[in-house]
C-alpha atoms as a PDB file:
ATOM      1  CA  MET A   1      -0.065  -0.128   0.160  1.00  0.00           C
ATOM      2  CA  LYS A   2       0.790   3.302  -0.384  1.00  0.00           C
ATOM      3  CA  ILE A   3       0.445   5.015   3.155  1.00  0.00           C
ATOM      4  CA  ALA A   4       0.250   9.052   3.578  1.00  0.00           C
ATOM      5  CA  LEU A   5       1.071  10.131   6.900  1.00  0.00           C
ATOM      6  CA  VAL A   6      -0.443  13.723   6.671  1.00  0.00           C
ATOM      7  CA  GLY A   7       1.278  15.930   9.288  1.00  0.00           C
ATOM      8  CA  GLY A   8       3.933  12.913   9.306  1.00  0.00           C
ATOM      9  CA  THR A   9       6.753  14.801  10.622  1.00  0.00           C
ATOM     10  CA  GLY A  10       6.058  14.642  13.975  1.00  0.00           C
ATOM     11  CA  ASP A  11       6.220  11.245  16.911  1.00  0.00           C
ATOM     12  CA  ILE A  12       3.251   9.548  15.434  1.00  0.00           C
ATOM     13  CA  GLY A  13       4.489  10.108  12.022  1.00  0.00           C
ATOM     14  CA  MET A  14       7.952   8.627  13.034  1.00  0.00           C
ATOM     15  CA  GLY A  15       6.479   5.988  14.783  1.00  0.00           C
ATOM     16  CA  PHE A  16       4.038   4.794  11.710  1.00  0.00           C
ATOM     17  CA  ALA A  17       7.187   5.396   9.587  1.00  0.00           C
ATOM     18  CA  MET A  18       9.104   3.366  11.283  1.00  0.00           C
ATOM     19  CA  ARG A  19       6.420   0.374  11.569  1.00  0.00           C
ATOM     20  CA  TRP A  20       5.145   0.096   8.281  1.00  0.00           C
ATOM     21  CA  GLY A  21       8.196   1.963   6.472  1.00  0.00           C
ATOM     22  CA  GLN A  22       9.367  -1.838   5.540  1.00  0.00           C
ATOM     23  CA  ASN A  23       5.978  -3.330   4.133  1.00  0.00           C
ATOM     24  CA  HIS A  24       4.414  -0.322   2.550  1.00  0.00           C
ATOM     25  CA  GLU A  25       5.303   2.639   0.475  1.00  0.00           C
ATOM     26  CA  ILE A  26       5.154   5.529   3.506  1.00  0.00           C
ATOM     27  CA  ILE A  27       5.016   8.958   2.357  1.00  0.00           C
ATOM     28  CA  ILE A  28       5.802  11.795   4.839  1.00  0.00           C
ATOM     29  CA  GLY A  29       3.346  14.557   4.297  1.00  0.00           C
ATOM     30  CA  SER A  30       3.928  18.075   5.819  1.00  0.00           C
ATOM     31  CA  ARG A  31       3.065  21.628   4.561  1.00  0.00           C
ATOM     32  CA  SER A  32       6.518  22.090   3.574  1.00  0.00           C
ATOM     33  CA  GLU A  33       7.779  20.061   1.011  1.00  0.00           C
ATOM     34  CA  GLN A  34      11.342  20.828   2.198  1.00  0.00           C
ATOM     35  CA  LYS A  35      10.219  19.673   5.721  1.00  0.00           C
ATOM     36  CA  ALA A  36       8.814  16.245   4.628  1.00  0.00           C
ATOM     37  CA  LYS A  37      11.693  15.306   2.353  1.00  0.00           C
ATOM     38  CA  GLU A  38      14.180  15.888   5.543  1.00  0.00           C
ATOM     39  CA  SER A  39      12.011  14.228   7.896  1.00  0.00           C
ATOM     40  CA  ALA A  40      11.561  11.045   5.422  1.00  0.00           C
ATOM     41  CA  THR A  41      15.230  10.979   5.041  1.00  0.00           C
ATOM     42  CA  ALA A  42      15.842  10.984   8.439  1.00  0.00           C
ATOM     43  CA  PHE A  43      13.415   8.312   9.576  1.00  0.00           C
ATOM     44  CA  LYS A  44      15.291   6.135   6.320  1.00  0.00           C
ATOM     45  CA  GLU A  45      18.030   6.382   7.802  1.00  0.00           C
ATOM     46  CA  GLN A  46      16.863   5.173  11.412  1.00  0.00           C
ATOM     47  CA  LEU A  47      15.069   2.529   9.761  1.00  0.00           C
ATOM     48  CA  GLY A  48      17.578   1.057   7.352  1.00  0.00           C
ATOM     49  CA  ALA A  49      17.614   0.092   3.888  1.00  0.00           C
ATOM     50  CA  ALA A  50      14.700  -1.820   4.028  1.00  0.00           C
ATOM     51  CA  GLY A  51      12.686   1.755   4.328  1.00  0.00           C
ATOM     52  CA  ASN A  52      10.197   2.997   1.868  1.00  0.00           C
ATOM     53  CA  ILE A  53       9.878   6.197   2.858  1.00  0.00           C
ATOM     54  CA  GLN A  54       9.846   9.646   0.872  1.00  0.00           C
ATOM     55  CA  GLY A  55       8.190  13.015   1.820  1.00  0.00           C
ATOM     56  CA  ASN A  56       5.899  15.775  -0.394  1.00  0.00           C
ATOM     57  CA  ASP A  57       3.859  18.509   0.475  1.00  0.00           C
ATOM     58  CA  ASN A  58       0.409  17.192   2.533  1.00  0.00           C
ATOM     59  CA  ALA A  59      -1.371  17.406  -0.794  1.00  0.00           C
ATOM     60  CA  SER A  60       0.371  15.184  -3.102  1.00  0.00           C
ATOM     61  CA  ALA A  61       1.004  13.064  -0.483  1.00  0.00           C
ATOM     62  CA  ILE A  62      -2.790  12.263  -0.234  1.00  0.00           C
ATOM     63  CA  ALA A  63      -3.270  12.203  -4.102  1.00  0.00           C
ATOM     64  CA  SER A  64      -1.090   9.706  -4.340  1.00  0.00           C
ATOM     65  CA  ALA A  65      -1.957   7.319  -1.341  1.00  0.00           C
ATOM     66  CA  ASP A  66      -4.220   4.320  -1.093  1.00  0.00           C
ATOM     67  CA  ALA A  67      -4.505   5.068   2.787  1.00  0.00           C
ATOM     68  CA  VAL A  68      -4.202   8.423   4.630  1.00  0.00           C
ATOM     69  CA  VAL A  69      -3.338   8.785   8.169  1.00  0.00           C
ATOM     70  CA  LEU A  70      -3.980  12.086   9.622  1.00  0.00           C
ATOM     71  CA  CYS A  71      -1.210  12.705  12.167  1.00  0.00           C
ATOM     72  CA  VAL A  72      -1.699  16.331  13.291  1.00  0.00           C
ATOM     73  CA  PRO A  73      -3.211  17.849  16.433  1.00  0.00           C
ATOM     74  CA  TYR A  74      -6.733  18.634  16.530  1.00  0.00           C
ATOM     75  CA  GLU A  75      -6.332  22.398  15.914  1.00  0.00           C
ATOM     76  CA  HIS A  76      -4.862  21.371  12.200  1.00  0.00           C
ATOM     77  CA  LEU A  77      -7.634  18.983  11.349  1.00  0.00           C
ATOM     78  CA  ALA A  78      -9.938  21.165   9.307  1.00  0.00           C
ATOM     79  CA  TYR A  79      -6.600  22.596   7.216  1.00  0.00           C
ATOM     80  CA  VAL A  80      -6.178  18.935   6.503  1.00  0.00           C
ATOM     81  CA  THR A  81      -9.625  17.634   5.745  1.00  0.00           C
ATOM     82  CA  SER A  82     -11.650  20.320   4.157  1.00  0.00           C
ATOM     83  CA  GLY A  83      -8.396  22.516   3.536  1.00  0.00           C
ATOM     84  CA  LEU A  84      -7.121  20.164   1.334  1.00  0.00           C
ATOM     85  CA  ARG A  85     -10.768  18.076   0.040  1.00  0.00           C
ATOM     86  CA  GLY A  86      -9.358  18.285  -3.454  1.00  0.00           C
ATOM     87  CA  SER A  87      -6.898  16.015  -3.115  1.00  0.00           C
ATOM     88  CA  TYR A  88      -8.868  13.235  -1.876  1.00  0.00           C
ATOM     89  CA  ASN A  89      -9.984   9.981  -3.809  1.00  0.00           C
ATOM     90  CA  SER A  90     -11.896   7.287  -2.550  1.00  0.00           C
ATOM     91  CA  GLN A  91      -9.191   6.735   0.218  1.00  0.00           C
ATOM     92  CA  LEU A  92      -9.218   4.914   3.190  1.00  0.00           C
ATOM     93  CA  VAL A  93      -8.617   7.638   5.953  1.00  0.00           C
ATOM     94  CA  ILE A  94      -7.644   6.881   9.346  1.00  0.00           C
ATOM     95  CA  SER A  95      -7.743   9.294  12.612  1.00  0.00           C
ATOM     96  CA  PRO A  96      -5.914   9.059  15.721  1.00  0.00           C
ATOM     97  CA  VAL A  97      -7.162  12.586  16.413  1.00  0.00           C
ATOM     98  CA  VAL A  98      -8.008  13.612  19.473  1.00  0.00           C
ATOM     99  CA  PRO A  99     -10.036  16.994  20.355  1.00  0.00           C
ATOM    100  CA  MET A 100      -8.530  17.617  24.258  1.00  0.00           C
ATOM    101  CA  THR A 101      -7.300  20.755  26.309  1.00  0.00           C
ATOM    102  CA  TYR A 102      -4.652  20.793  29.530  1.00  0.00           C
ATOM    103  CA  ASN A 103      -5.667  23.200  32.212  1.00  0.00           C
ATOM    104  CA  GLY A 104      -2.078  22.575  33.958  1.00  0.00           C
ATOM    105  CA  LYS A 105      -3.373  19.851  35.899  1.00  0.00           C
ATOM    106  CA  PHE A 106      -5.088  17.257  34.033  1.00  0.00           C
ATOM    107  CA  PHE A 107      -6.312  16.861  30.295  1.00  0.00           C
ATOM    108  CA  GLN A 108      -9.935  16.716  29.386  1.00  0.00           C
ATOM    109  CA  TYR A 109     -11.750  15.363  26.282  1.00  0.00           C
ATOM    110  CA  GLN A 110     -13.112  18.568  24.272  1.00  0.00           C
ATOM    111  CA  PRO A 111     -15.048  17.351  21.490  1.00  0.00           C
ATOM    112  CA  PRO A 112     -16.314  19.288  18.710  1.00  0.00           C
ATOM    113  CA  PRO A 113     -20.004  19.775  17.840  1.00  0.00           C
ATOM    114  CA  ASP A 114     -19.935  16.788  15.562  1.00  0.00           C
ATOM    115  CA  GLY A 115     -19.427  14.567  18.947  1.00  0.00           C
ATOM    116  CA  SER A 116     -15.656  13.585  18.197  1.00  0.00           C
ATOM    117  CA  ALA A 117     -12.760  14.355  15.821  1.00  0.00           C
ATOM    118  CA  ALA A 118     -13.616  11.120  13.482  1.00  0.00           C
ATOM    119  CA  MET A 119     -16.956  12.735  12.673  1.00  0.00           C
ATOM    120  CA  GLN A 120     -15.892  15.907  11.786  1.00  0.00           C
ATOM    121  CA  ALA A 121     -13.640  14.650   9.724  1.00  0.00           C
ATOM    122  CA  ARG A 122     -16.233  12.648   8.244  1.00  0.00           C
ATOM    123  CA  SER A 123     -18.455  15.911   7.964  1.00  0.00           C
ATOM    124  CA  LEU A 124     -15.341  17.791   5.751  1.00  0.00           C
ATOM    125  CA  LEU A 125     -14.307  14.952   3.179  1.00  0.00           C
ATOM    126  CA  PRO A 126     -16.022  13.902   0.198  1.00  0.00           C
ATOM    127  CA  PRO A 127     -18.353  11.172   1.153  1.00  0.00           C
ATOM    128  CA  ASP A 128     -16.823   8.572  -1.064  1.00  0.00           C
ATOM    129  CA  VAL A 129     -13.750   8.793   1.467  1.00  0.00           C
ATOM    130  CA  LYS A 130     -14.176   5.803   4.252  1.00  0.00           C
ATOM    131  CA  VAL A 131     -13.120   7.459   7.630  1.00  0.00           C
ATOM    132  CA  VAL A 132     -12.078   5.207  10.359  1.00  0.00           C
ATOM    133  CA  SER A 133     -10.607   5.929  13.736  1.00  0.00           C
ATOM    134  CA  ALA A 134      -8.054   3.912  15.422  1.00  0.00           C
ATOM    135  CA  PHE A 135      -4.744   4.251  17.142  1.00  0.00           C
ATOM    136  CA  HIS A 136      -5.546   6.645  19.876  1.00  0.00           C
ATOM    137  CA  THR A 137      -4.475   5.310  22.670  1.00  0.00           C
ATOM    138  CA  ILE A 138      -0.743   3.859  21.071  1.00  0.00           C
ATOM    139  CA  CYS A 139       2.431   5.564  22.240  1.00  0.00           C
ATOM    140  CA  ALA A 140       4.204   7.272  19.613  1.00  0.00           C
ATOM    141  CA  ALA A 141       7.555   6.979  21.532  1.00  0.00           C
ATOM    142  CA  ALA A 142       6.930   3.035  21.726  1.00  0.00           C
ATOM    143  CA  LEU A 143       6.046   3.147  18.037  1.00  0.00           C
ATOM    144  CA  GLN A 144       9.485   4.426  17.205  1.00  0.00           C
ATOM    145  CA  ASP A 145      11.267   1.615  18.647  1.00  0.00           C
ATOM    146  CA  ILE A 146      10.623  -1.260  16.152  1.00  0.00           C
ATOM    147  CA  ASN A 147      11.652  -3.684  18.662  1.00  0.00           C
ATOM    148  CA  ARG A 148       9.180  -3.150  21.399  1.00  0.00           C
ATOM    149  CA  ILE A 149       6.737  -5.347  21.920  1.00  0.00           C
ATOM    150  CA  MET A 150       3.602  -3.388  22.184  1.00  0.00           C
ATOM    151  CA  LYS A 151       1.305  -5.786  24.269  1.00  0.00           C
ATOM    152  CA  ALA A 152      -1.713  -3.031  23.550  1.00  0.00           C
ATOM    153  CA  ASP A 153      -5.226  -3.098  21.978  1.00  0.00           C
ATOM    154  CA  VAL A 154      -6.163  -1.033  18.808  1.00  0.00           C
ATOM    155  CA  PHE A 155      -9.365   0.338  18.927  1.00  0.00           C
ATOM    156  CA  ILE A 156     -11.197   0.808  15.672  1.00  0.00           C
ATOM    157  CA  CYS A 157     -14.542   2.403  14.534  1.00  0.00           C
ATOM    158  CA  GLY A 158     -16.200   2.740  11.590  1.00  0.00           C
ATOM    159  CA  ASP A 159     -18.852   2.141   9.015  1.00  0.00           C
ATOM    160  CA  ASP A 160     -17.008   0.394   6.210  1.00  0.00           C
ATOM    161  CA  ALA A 161     -15.958  -3.401   6.829  1.00  0.00           C
ATOM    162  CA  GLN A 162     -13.556  -3.529   4.685  1.00  0.00           C
ATOM    163  CA  SER A 163     -12.176  -0.623   5.519  1.00  0.00           C
ATOM    164  CA  MET A 164     -11.699  -1.622   9.096  1.00  0.00           C
ATOM    165  CA  GLU A 165     -10.596  -4.809   8.353  1.00  0.00           C
ATOM    166  CA  ILE A 166      -7.511  -2.800   6.739  1.00  0.00           C
ATOM    167  CA  THR A 167      -6.932  -1.073   9.491  1.00  0.00           C
ATOM    168  CA  ALA A 168      -6.865  -3.974  11.579  1.00  0.00           C
ATOM    169  CA  GLN A 169      -4.389  -5.553   9.736  1.00  0.00           C
ATOM    170  CA  LEU A 170      -1.595  -2.163   9.633  1.00  0.00           C
ATOM    171  CA  ALA A 171      -1.975  -2.839  13.591  1.00  0.00           C
ATOM    172  CA  ARG A 172      -1.646  -6.641  13.357  1.00  0.00           C
ATOM    173  CA  GLU A 173       1.817  -5.359  11.464  1.00  0.00           C
ATOM    174  CA  ILE A 174       3.109  -3.790  14.643  1.00  0.00           C
ATOM    175  CA  LYS A 175       4.426  -6.148  17.514  1.00  0.00           C
ATOM    176  CA  SER A 176       1.645  -7.558  19.249  1.00  0.00           C
ATOM    177  CA  LEU A 177      -0.906  -4.948  18.835  1.00  0.00           C
ATOM    178  CA  ARG A 178      -4.386  -6.544  18.939  1.00  0.00           C
ATOM    179  CA  PRO A 179      -7.164  -4.858  16.783  1.00  0.00           C
ATOM    180  CA  LEU A 180     -10.485  -4.596  18.465  1.00  0.00           C
ATOM    181  CA  ILE A 181     -13.512  -3.429  16.813  1.00  0.00           C
ATOM    182  CA  ALA A 182     -15.028  -0.901  19.491  1.00  0.00           C
ATOM    183  CA  GLY A 183     -18.204   0.237  16.987  1.00  0.00           C
ATOM    184  CA  PRO A 184     -19.531   2.307  14.498  1.00  0.00           C
ATOM    185  CA  LEU A 185     -17.979   5.893  13.423  1.00  0.00           C
ATOM    186  CA  THR A 186     -20.431   7.399  15.607  1.00  0.00           C
ATOM    187  CA  ALA A 187     -18.990   5.679  18.944  1.00  0.00           C
ATOM    188  CA  SER A 188     -15.471   7.294  18.014  1.00  0.00           C
ATOM    189  CA  SER A 189     -15.941   9.795  21.117  1.00  0.00           C
ATOM    190  CA  LEU A 190     -15.521   6.834  23.471  1.00  0.00           C
ATOM    191  CA  THR A 191     -11.952   5.585  22.381  1.00  0.00           C
ATOM    192  CA  GLU A 192     -10.817   9.011  21.649  1.00  0.00           C
ATOM    193  CA  SER A 193     -11.735  10.503  25.044  1.00  0.00           C
ATOM    194  CA  LEU A 194      -9.273   7.379  26.530  1.00  0.00           C
ATOM    195  CA  THR A 195      -6.369   9.457  25.444  1.00  0.00           C
ATOM    196  CA  PRO A 196      -6.765  12.049  27.551  1.00  0.00           C
ATOM    197  CA  PHE A 197      -7.887   9.522  30.346  1.00  0.00           C
ATOM    198  CA  LEU A 198      -4.771   7.252  29.814  1.00  0.00           C
ATOM    199  CA  LEU A 199      -2.011  10.093  29.865  1.00  0.00           C
ATOM    200  CA  ASN A 200      -3.600  11.659  33.272  1.00  0.00           C
ATOM    201  CA  VAL A 201      -3.487   7.877  34.633  1.00  0.00           C
ATOM    202  CA  ALA A 202       0.068   7.461  33.462  1.00  0.00           C
ATOM    203  CA  ARG A 203       1.195  10.884  35.084  1.00  0.00           C
ATOM    204  CA  LYS A 204      -0.620  10.650  38.084  1.00  0.00           C
ATOM    205  CA  ASN A 205       1.337   7.449  38.548  1.00  0.00           C
ATOM    206  CA  LYS A 206       4.489   8.181  36.716  1.00  0.00           C
ATOM    207  CA  ILE A 207       3.679   4.989  34.088  1.00  0.00           C
ATOM    208  CA  LYS A 208       5.913   5.332  31.252  1.00  0.00           C
ATOM    209  CA  ASP A 209       4.603   4.618  27.811  1.00  0.00           C
ATOM    210  CA  ALA A 210       0.987   3.501  28.737  1.00  0.00           C
ATOM    211  CA  GLY A 211      -1.135   1.763  26.702  1.00  0.00           C
ATOM    212  CA  ILE A 212      -4.582  -0.109  27.006  1.00  0.00           C
ATOM    213  CA  ALA A 213      -5.405  -3.646  27.009  1.00  0.00           C
ATOM    214  CA  VAL A 214      -8.549  -5.450  27.455  1.00  0.00           C
ATOM    215  CA  VAL A 215      -8.244  -8.463  29.768  1.00  0.00           C
ATOM    216  CA  SER A 216     -10.375 -11.517  29.571  1.00  0.00           C
ATOM    217  CA  GLU A 217     -11.154 -13.102  33.033  1.00  0.00           C
ATOM    218  CA  ARG A 218     -11.765 -16.804  32.445  1.00  0.00           C
ATOM    219  CA  PRO A 219     -14.001 -19.029  34.860  1.00  0.00           C
ATOM    220  CA  THR A 220     -11.708 -21.540  37.530  1.00  0.00           C
ATOM    221  CA  ILE A 221     -12.797 -24.822  36.638  1.00  0.00           C
ATOM    222  CA  LYS A 222     -13.118 -27.212  39.323  1.00  0.00           C
END
């Protein structure tokens, strides 16, 4: 697949590039084509000769991709969706975007009027684009370490079965991540809100590179 990491020059973009760069063609997107190319070169050097990573401006990255991952903070969501609407063409769009605030003491989920960042993206993108929300609780620093075993779950929300399965397969390619279907796209507020919750728990309890996994307790057989 050709995967565009829109706004992919930051930590989460680097993490996805490290994990998927050996199996897919990764296109790092940025407002600045030069910055995207510099980041792509740096990521490829870390990944080694097997890495297939290049850089381009966001619009060009989107237009050439089979799948697009929105690696941007919430405040840039409108720009990379409605602002670049003409670059999209029936792709799968994966949103790990979380609208949240920090008041100096704790993080708080702040959903837009649409109910979630994923639903806002859905409203701003062309109707033939398939939007899936996922990877909200996956630590960027852990993603960047390709030898790290994540031991976490990826919660996936969407309305198109094929797009959700592609997203699940991308999750499975990352060591020990388990994809779990969490509901339709309208349920994305539930999964997005786990991010500020997880950050608060990690800070209060001094837990590094925290993630979430669902545990099943089996009954004792007598």
